[in-house]
Amino acid sequence: MNDQTRRAVAYIAGRIVSGKPAPSVYDHTTSRTYNFRGEFAATKITLRDLDSGSDIKGAGGSGMFTITQAGNGKPVSLKLNGSTFEGFDYETAKRYRGAITGTSVAVQDDQHGREFQYSI
């Protein structure tokens, strides 16, 4: 999963699970804050990654979403289950999974074989 997609997934999962509005996600790997703007609804997510300028759209409901970024057009599935989540990145054909604790989001990315840490 590329960095931009992973950050978007961490942001979306963190926002949905925490239920708290957050304008950004902090990426502990790059030591940078990345900003997002948009709307979250029960069955639709519409965001703009303000740092890259790409649009992110999500559709679904009941904890299952398909997320697409305008940049690559390849979908990413996202399934939320309480404070954990999992999915598949169709661009890389690799799975990922993660967990949310408070405002911390951990994403285990099978493409890179490691965990990435974020905060919302």
N, C-alpha and C. Protein backbone atom coordinates (compact mmCIF):
# COMPACT_ATOMS: atom_id res chain seq x y z
N MET A 1 0.86 -1.17 0.00
CA MET A 1 0.00 0.00 0.00
C MET A 1 0.90 1.23 0.00
N ASN A 2 0.60 2.17 -0.86
CA ASN A 2 1.44 3.37 -0.88
C ASN A 2 1.14 4.25 0.35
N ASP A 3 2.07 5.13 0.66
CA ASP A 3 1.97 5.97 1.86
C ASP A 3 0.68 6.77 1.91
N GLN A 4 0.31 7.37 0.79
CA GLN A 4 -0.87 8.23 0.72
C GLN A 4 -2.14 7.42 1.01
N THR A 5 -2.26 6.25 0.44
CA THR A 5 -3.42 5.40 0.67
C THR A 5 -3.47 4.92 2.11
N ARG A 6 -2.33 4.51 2.65
CA ARG A 6 -2.27 4.05 4.03
C ARG A 6 -2.68 5.15 5.00
N ARG A 7 -2.23 6.37 4.76
CA ARG A 7 -2.62 7.50 5.62
C ARG A 7 -4.12 7.74 5.56
N ALA A 8 -4.68 7.66 4.35
CA ALA A 8 -6.13 7.87 4.19
C ALA A 8 -6.92 6.79 4.93
N VAL A 9 -6.48 5.54 4.83
CA VAL A 9 -7.16 4.45 5.54
C VAL A 9 -7.06 4.66 7.05
N ALA A 10 -5.89 5.03 7.54
CA ALA A 10 -5.71 5.29 8.97
C ALA A 10 -6.62 6.43 9.44
N TYR A 11 -6.69 7.48 8.65
CA TYR A 11 -7.54 8.63 8.98
C TYR A 11 -9.01 8.23 9.02
N ILE A 12 -9.47 7.54 7.98
CA ILE A 12 -10.88 7.15 7.89
C ILE A 12 -11.24 6.18 9.02
N ALA A 13 -10.44 5.14 9.22
CA ALA A 13 -10.72 4.17 10.29
C ALA A 13 -10.71 4.86 11.65
N GLY A 14 -9.72 5.71 11.89
CA GLY A 14 -9.63 6.42 13.17
C GLY A 14 -10.82 7.33 13.42
N ARG A 15 -11.24 8.04 12.39
CA ARG A 15 -12.41 8.92 12.52
C ARG A 15 -13.68 8.14 12.81
N ILE A 16 -13.90 7.06 12.07
CA ILE A 16 -15.13 6.29 12.24
C ILE A 16 -15.17 5.63 13.62
N VAL A 17 -14.09 4.98 14.02
CA VAL A 17 -14.07 4.28 15.30
C VAL A 17 -14.14 5.24 16.48
N SER A 18 -13.36 6.31 16.43
CA SER A 18 -13.35 7.26 17.56
C SER A 18 -14.63 8.10 17.62
N GLY A 19 -15.24 8.31 16.44
CA GLY A 19 -16.43 9.15 16.39
C GLY A 19 -16.14 10.62 16.59
N LYS A 20 -14.85 10.96 16.57
CA LYS A 20 -14.45 12.35 16.81
C LYS A 20 -14.03 13.03 15.52
N PRO A 21 -14.42 14.28 15.33
CA PRO A 21 -13.94 15.01 14.16
C PRO A 21 -12.44 15.29 14.32
N ALA A 22 -11.72 15.15 13.24
CA ALA A 22 -10.28 15.42 13.26
C ALA A 22 -9.91 15.97 11.89
N PRO A 23 -9.18 17.08 11.83
CA PRO A 23 -8.81 17.65 10.54
C PRO A 23 -7.58 17.02 9.90
N SER A 24 -6.89 16.13 10.66
CA SER A 24 -5.62 15.64 10.15
C SER A 24 -5.25 14.30 10.77
N VAL A 25 -4.20 13.71 10.21
CA VAL A 25 -3.59 12.51 10.77
C VAL A 25 -2.09 12.79 10.86
N TYR A 26 -1.51 12.37 11.97
CA TYR A 26 -0.06 12.52 12.15
C TYR A 26 0.59 11.19 11.82
N ASP A 27 1.54 11.20 10.89
CA ASP A 27 2.26 10.00 10.46
C ASP A 27 3.57 9.94 11.24
N HIS A 28 3.70 8.96 12.12
CA HIS A 28 4.91 8.85 12.96
C HIS A 28 6.13 8.45 12.15
N THR A 29 5.95 7.84 10.98
CA THR A 29 7.09 7.46 10.14
C THR A 29 7.74 8.69 9.52
N THR A 30 6.93 9.62 9.02
CA THR A 30 7.47 10.82 8.37
C THR A 30 7.57 12.01 9.32
N SER A 31 7.00 11.85 10.53
CA SER A 31 6.96 12.95 11.52
C SER A 31 6.27 14.18 10.94
N ARG A 32 5.18 13.94 10.19
CA ARG A 32 4.43 15.04 9.57
C ARG A 32 2.95 14.87 9.82
N THR A 33 2.26 15.99 9.80
CA THR A 33 0.81 16.02 9.89
C THR A 33 0.25 16.20 8.48
N TYR A 34 -0.74 15.39 8.12
CA TYR A 34 -1.39 15.46 6.82
C TYR A 34 -2.85 15.84 7.03
N ASN A 35 -3.32 16.82 6.27
CA ASN A 35 -4.64 17.40 6.48
C ASN A 35 -5.67 16.86 5.49
N PHE A 36 -6.89 16.70 5.99
CA PHE A 36 -8.02 16.23 5.19
C PHE A 36 -9.21 17.15 5.44
N ARG A 37 -10.08 17.24 4.43
CA ARG A 37 -11.33 17.98 4.59
C ARG A 37 -12.40 17.19 3.86
N GLY A 38 -13.58 17.12 4.44
CA GLY A 38 -14.66 16.42 3.77
C GLY A 38 -15.78 16.02 4.71
N GLU A 39 -16.57 15.07 4.24
CA GLU A 39 -17.77 14.66 4.97
C GLU A 39 -17.80 13.16 5.19
N PHE A 40 -18.28 12.80 6.36
CA PHE A 40 -18.52 11.40 6.72
C PHE A 40 -20.02 11.24 6.93
N ALA A 41 -20.63 10.29 6.24
CA ALA A 41 -22.03 9.94 6.44
C ALA A 41 -22.09 8.43 6.64
N ALA A 42 -23.24 7.92 7.00
CA ALA A 42 -23.38 6.49 7.30
C ALA A 42 -22.98 5.60 6.13
N THR A 43 -23.26 6.03 4.91
CA THR A 43 -22.98 5.19 3.75
C THR A 43 -22.04 5.83 2.72
N LYS A 44 -21.53 7.02 3.04
CA LYS A 44 -20.73 7.74 2.06
C LYS A 44 -19.64 8.57 2.74
N ILE A 45 -18.43 8.51 2.18
CA ILE A 45 -17.31 9.32 2.64
C ILE A 45 -16.79 10.09 1.45
N THR A 46 -16.65 11.39 1.61
CA THR A 46 -16.09 12.24 0.56
C THR A 46 -15.02 13.11 1.21
N LEU A 47 -13.77 12.92 0.81
CA LEU A 47 -12.65 13.65 1.41
C LEU A 47 -11.74 14.23 0.34
N ARG A 48 -10.98 15.20 0.77
CA ARG A 48 -9.88 15.71 -0.04
C ARG A 48 -8.64 15.68 0.83
N ASP A 49 -7.60 15.06 0.30
CA ASP A 49 -6.29 15.07 0.94
C ASP A 49 -5.68 16.42 0.57
N LEU A 50 -5.63 17.32 1.52
CA LEU A 50 -5.19 18.69 1.23
C LEU A 50 -3.71 18.77 0.89
N ASP A 51 -2.93 17.80 1.31
CA ASP A 51 -1.49 17.83 1.02
C ASP A 51 -1.19 17.36 -0.40
N SER A 52 -1.90 16.34 -0.87
CA SER A 52 -1.65 15.84 -2.23
C SER A 52 -2.65 16.41 -3.24
N GLY A 53 -3.78 16.94 -2.73
CA GLY A 53 -4.81 17.47 -3.60
C GLY A 53 -5.71 16.40 -4.21
N SER A 54 -5.58 15.15 -3.76
CA SER A 54 -6.40 14.09 -4.35
C SER A 54 -7.73 13.93 -3.60
N ASP A 55 -8.73 13.50 -4.36
CA ASP A 55 -10.04 13.24 -3.79
C ASP A 55 -10.13 11.77 -3.40
N ILE A 56 -10.82 11.52 -2.30
CA ILE A 56 -11.01 10.17 -1.78
C ILE A 56 -12.50 9.98 -1.58
N LYS A 57 -13.01 8.90 -2.13
CA LYS A 57 -14.44 8.61 -2.00
C LYS A 57 -14.61 7.22 -1.40
N GLY A 58 -15.60 7.10 -0.53
CA GLY A 58 -15.90 5.81 0.07
C GLY A 58 -17.39 5.57 0.04
N ALA A 59 -17.76 4.33 -0.21
CA ALA A 59 -19.17 3.95 -0.22
C ALA A 59 -19.31 2.64 0.54
N GLY A 60 -20.43 2.49 1.21
CA GLY A 60 -20.67 1.26 1.96
C GLY A 60 -21.59 1.52 3.12
N GLY A 61 -21.33 0.86 4.20
CA GLY A 61 -22.13 1.01 5.39
C GLY A 61 -21.97 -0.21 6.28
N SER A 62 -22.49 -0.12 7.49
CA SER A 62 -22.40 -1.20 8.47
C SER A 62 -20.97 -1.67 8.67
N GLY A 63 -20.02 -0.74 8.67
CA GLY A 63 -18.63 -1.07 8.92
C GLY A 63 -17.84 -1.59 7.74
N MET A 64 -18.45 -1.63 6.55
CA MET A 64 -17.73 -2.10 5.37
C MET A 64 -17.77 -1.02 4.30
N PHE A 65 -16.59 -0.63 3.81
CA PHE A 65 -16.50 0.43 2.82
C PHE A 65 -15.55 0.04 1.70
N THR A 66 -15.78 0.60 0.54
CA THR A 66 -14.84 0.54 -0.56
C THR A 66 -14.37 1.97 -0.78
N ILE A 67 -13.07 2.17 -0.68
CA ILE A 67 -12.47 3.50 -0.76
C ILE A 67 -11.68 3.60 -2.06
N THR A 68 -11.85 4.71 -2.77
CA THR A 68 -11.12 4.93 -4.01
C THR A 68 -10.49 6.31 -3.98
N GLN A 69 -9.19 6.38 -4.35
CA GLN A 69 -8.50 7.66 -4.46
C GLN A 69 -8.43 8.03 -5.92
N ALA A 70 -8.64 9.29 -6.20
CA ALA A 70 -8.63 9.77 -7.59
C ALA A 70 -7.27 9.53 -8.24
N GLY A 71 -6.20 9.55 -7.47
CA GLY A 71 -4.86 9.41 -8.01
C GLY A 71 -4.61 8.12 -8.76
N ASN A 72 -5.00 6.99 -8.15
CA ASN A 72 -4.73 5.72 -8.81
C ASN A 72 -6.00 4.99 -9.26
N GLY A 73 -7.15 5.37 -8.73
CA GLY A 73 -8.43 4.78 -9.15
C GLY A 73 -8.63 3.35 -8.71
N LYS A 74 -7.67 2.76 -7.99
CA LYS A 74 -7.79 1.38 -7.53
C LYS A 74 -8.48 1.37 -6.17
N PRO A 75 -9.47 0.49 -5.98
CA PRO A 75 -10.19 0.47 -4.71
C PRO A 75 -9.39 -0.19 -3.59
N VAL A 76 -9.77 0.17 -2.39
CA VAL A 76 -9.26 -0.43 -1.17
C VAL A 76 -10.48 -0.79 -0.34
N SER A 77 -10.56 -2.05 0.08
CA SER A 77 -11.68 -2.43 0.94
C SER A 77 -11.30 -2.13 2.39
N LEU A 78 -12.30 -1.79 3.18
CA LEU A 78 -12.11 -1.50 4.60
C LEU A 78 -13.26 -2.11 5.37
N LYS A 79 -12.94 -3.02 6.27
CA LYS A 79 -13.95 -3.65 7.12
C LYS A 79 -13.60 -3.35 8.57
N LEU A 80 -14.51 -2.66 9.26
CA LEU A 80 -14.30 -2.29 10.65
C LEU A 80 -15.02 -3.29 11.55
N ASN A 81 -14.35 -3.66 12.65
CA ASN A 81 -14.94 -4.58 13.61
C ASN A 81 -14.54 -4.11 15.00
N GLY A 82 -15.38 -3.28 15.60
CA GLY A 82 -15.03 -2.69 16.89
C GLY A 82 -13.84 -1.77 16.73
N SER A 83 -12.77 -2.05 17.47
CA SER A 83 -11.57 -1.20 17.40
C SER A 83 -10.51 -1.78 16.46
N THR A 84 -10.87 -2.79 15.70
CA THR A 84 -9.93 -3.35 14.72
C THR A 84 -10.50 -3.19 13.32
N PHE A 85 -9.63 -3.32 12.33
CA PHE A 85 -10.07 -3.22 10.93
C PHE A 85 -9.15 -4.06 10.06
N GLU A 86 -9.62 -4.34 8.87
CA GLU A 86 -8.83 -5.09 7.90
C GLU A 86 -9.31 -4.74 6.51
N GLY A 87 -8.50 -5.10 5.53
CA GLY A 87 -8.90 -4.81 4.17
C GLY A 87 -7.91 -5.32 3.15
N PHE A 88 -8.18 -4.96 1.91
CA PHE A 88 -7.37 -5.39 0.77
C PHE A 88 -7.13 -4.21 -0.13
N ASP A 89 -5.88 -4.04 -0.54
CA ASP A 89 -5.49 -2.96 -1.45
C ASP A 89 -5.36 -3.57 -2.85
N TYR A 90 -6.27 -3.20 -3.75
CA TYR A 90 -6.28 -3.78 -5.09
C TYR A 90 -5.15 -3.27 -5.98
N GLU A 91 -4.52 -2.17 -5.62
CA GLU A 91 -3.37 -1.69 -6.41
C GLU A 91 -2.17 -2.61 -6.21
N THR A 92 -1.94 -3.03 -4.97
CA THR A 92 -0.77 -3.88 -4.68
C THR A 92 -1.14 -5.35 -4.53
N ALA A 93 -2.44 -5.66 -4.50
CA ALA A 93 -2.94 -7.03 -4.29
C ALA A 93 -2.42 -7.59 -2.96
N LYS A 94 -2.42 -6.74 -1.92
CA LYS A 94 -1.97 -7.15 -0.59
C LYS A 94 -3.01 -6.77 0.46
N ARG A 95 -3.03 -7.55 1.52
CA ARG A 95 -3.93 -7.30 2.65
C ARG A 95 -3.27 -6.35 3.65
N TYR A 96 -4.11 -5.78 4.50
CA TYR A 96 -3.63 -4.98 5.62
C TYR A 96 -4.61 -5.18 6.77
N ARG A 97 -4.20 -4.81 7.95
CA ARG A 97 -5.06 -4.87 9.13
C ARG A 97 -4.57 -3.84 10.12
N GLY A 98 -5.40 -3.55 11.09
CA GLY A 98 -4.98 -2.55 12.06
C GLY A 98 -5.85 -2.53 13.29
N ALA A 99 -5.47 -1.64 14.20
CA ALA A 99 -6.19 -1.48 15.46
C ALA A 99 -6.14 -0.01 15.88
N ILE A 100 -7.18 0.40 16.57
CA ILE A 100 -7.29 1.77 17.05
C ILE A 100 -7.41 1.75 18.56
N THR A 101 -6.57 2.54 19.22
CA THR A 101 -6.62 2.70 20.67
C THR A 101 -6.65 4.19 20.95
N GLY A 102 -7.80 4.69 21.37
CA GLY A 102 -7.93 6.13 21.59
C GLY A 102 -7.76 6.87 20.28
N THR A 103 -6.73 7.71 20.21
CA THR A 103 -6.45 8.45 18.98
C THR A 103 -5.28 7.85 18.19
N SER A 104 -4.78 6.69 18.63
CA SER A 104 -3.67 6.02 17.95
C SER A 104 -4.21 4.97 16.99
N VAL A 105 -3.63 4.95 15.79
CA VAL A 105 -4.03 3.99 14.76
C VAL A 105 -2.77 3.26 14.29
N ALA A 106 -2.80 1.93 14.40
CA ALA A 106 -1.69 1.10 13.91
C ALA A 106 -2.17 0.36 12.67
N VAL A 107 -1.36 0.40 11.61
CA VAL A 107 -1.70 -0.29 10.36
C VAL A 107 -0.57 -1.27 10.03
N GLN A 108 -0.90 -2.56 10.00
CA GLN A 108 0.05 -3.60 9.58
C GLN A 108 -0.14 -3.79 8.09
N ASP A 109 0.86 -3.41 7.31
CA ASP A 109 0.80 -3.42 5.85
C ASP A 109 1.57 -4.64 5.33
N ASP A 110 0.87 -5.61 4.73
CA ASP A 110 1.52 -6.82 4.25
C ASP A 110 2.47 -6.56 3.09
N GLN A 111 2.25 -5.51 2.32
CA GLN A 111 3.18 -5.21 1.22
C GLN A 111 4.57 -4.91 1.77
N HIS A 112 4.62 -4.15 2.85
CA HIS A 112 5.90 -3.74 3.42
C HIS A 112 6.34 -4.63 4.57
N GLY A 113 5.44 -5.51 5.03
CA GLY A 113 5.79 -6.43 6.11
C GLY A 113 6.10 -5.75 7.42
N ARG A 114 5.43 -4.64 7.68
CA ARG A 114 5.67 -3.92 8.94
C ARG A 114 4.46 -3.12 9.35
N GLU A 115 4.53 -2.59 10.56
CA GLU A 115 3.44 -1.79 11.12
C GLU A 115 3.79 -0.31 11.03
N PHE A 116 2.79 0.49 10.73
CA PHE A 116 2.93 1.95 10.66
C PHE A 116 2.02 2.56 11.71
N GLN A 117 2.49 3.62 12.37
CA GLN A 117 1.75 4.27 13.46
C GLN A 117 1.27 5.66 13.04
N TYR A 118 0.03 5.96 13.42
CA TYR A 118 -0.60 7.24 13.13
C TYR A 118 -1.35 7.73 14.36
N SER A 119 -1.61 9.02 14.41
CA SER A 119 -2.46 9.62 15.44
C SER A 119 -3.44 10.56 14.76
N ILE A 120 -4.69 10.53 15.24
CA ILE A 120 -5.67 11.48 14.71
C ILE A 120 -6.02 12.49 15.78
